[in-house]
């Protein structure tokens, strides 16, 4: 994602983040959903297409990403 694109989108954090900077931020874009580290917003982001974002959310919700 180009820096121009990342500066023109509205980034948001989960309401469950506790207000700290220890989470990720997401932004919905025309090409998918962008994800970045809230501690380093200038450090870059990656974009997942819609199907990839749905898959990531599904895995997180089902516990598939939990550390065991």
Protein backbone atom coordinates (compact mmCIF):
# COMPACT_ATOMS: atom_id res chain seq x y z
CA UNK A 1 0.00 0.00 0.00
CA UNK A 2 1.42 3.38 -0.88
CA UNK A 3 1.96 6.00 1.79
CA UNK A 4 -0.48 8.29 -0.01
CA UNK A 5 -3.21 5.68 0.25
CA UNK A 6 -2.49 4.94 3.91
CA UNK A 7 -2.71 8.60 4.86
CA UNK A 8 -6.07 9.03 3.10
CA UNK A 9 -7.98 6.26 4.86
CA UNK A 10 -9.63 6.26 8.26
CA UNK A 11 -7.80 3.94 10.64
CA UNK A 12 -9.59 2.42 13.63
CA UNK A 13 -8.82 0.19 16.59
CA UNK A 14 -11.05 -2.35 18.25
CA UNK A 15 -13.13 -1.08 21.15
CA UNK A 16 -11.60 -4.01 23.06
CA UNK A 17 -8.06 -2.68 22.69
CA UNK A 18 -8.11 -0.85 26.02
CA UNK A 19 -6.94 2.41 24.47
CA UNK A 20 -3.25 1.49 24.48
CA UNK A 21 -0.88 1.20 21.58
CA UNK A 22 -0.49 -2.56 21.79
CA UNK A 23 -2.83 -3.60 19.03
CA UNK A 24 -3.38 -3.36 15.32
CA UNK A 25 -5.40 -0.79 13.42
CA UNK A 26 -7.53 -1.52 10.38
CA UNK A 27 -8.83 0.58 7.51
CA UNK A 28 -11.35 -0.49 4.90
CA UNK A 29 -10.18 0.39 1.41
CA UNK A 30 -11.50 -0.25 -2.08
CA UNK A 31 -8.94 -3.05 -2.56
CA UNK A 32 -9.60 -4.77 0.76
CA UNK A 33 -8.70 -4.15 4.39
CA UNK A 34 -5.39 -2.63 5.43
CA UNK A 35 -3.74 -3.62 8.72
CA UNK A 36 -0.94 -1.82 10.58
CA UNK A 37 0.74 -1.82 13.99
CA UNK A 38 -0.66 0.92 16.24
CA UNK A 39 2.77 1.40 17.87
CA UNK A 40 4.34 2.24 14.51
CA UNK A 41 1.71 3.75 12.20
CA UNK A 42 4.38 5.06 9.82
CA UNK A 43 6.05 1.64 9.64
CA UNK A 44 3.88 0.33 6.85
CA UNK A 45 0.78 -1.74 6.43
CA UNK A 46 -0.41 -4.71 4.49
CA UNK A 47 -3.68 -5.11 2.63
CA UNK A 48 -5.80 -8.23 2.52
CA UNK A 49 -8.43 -8.74 -0.19
CA UNK A 50 -12.00 -9.12 1.11
CA UNK A 51 -11.84 -12.94 1.11
CA UNK A 52 -8.54 -12.91 3.00
CA UNK A 53 -9.92 -10.51 5.62
CA UNK A 54 -12.99 -12.71 6.13
CA UNK A 55 -10.72 -15.73 6.52
CA UNK A 56 -8.51 -13.98 9.08
CA UNK A 57 -11.54 -12.86 11.11
CA UNK A 58 -13.05 -16.34 10.96
CA UNK A 59 -9.82 -17.93 12.18
CA UNK A 60 -9.50 -15.41 15.02
CA UNK A 61 -13.12 -15.87 16.10
CA UNK A 62 -12.88 -19.64 16.11
CA UNK A 63 -9.70 -19.64 18.20
CA UNK A 64 -7.62 -20.87 15.31
CA UNK A 65 -4.99 -18.19 15.95
CA UNK A 66 -4.75 -18.66 19.73
CA UNK A 67 -1.31 -19.49 21.08
CA UNK A 68 -1.46 -22.81 22.87
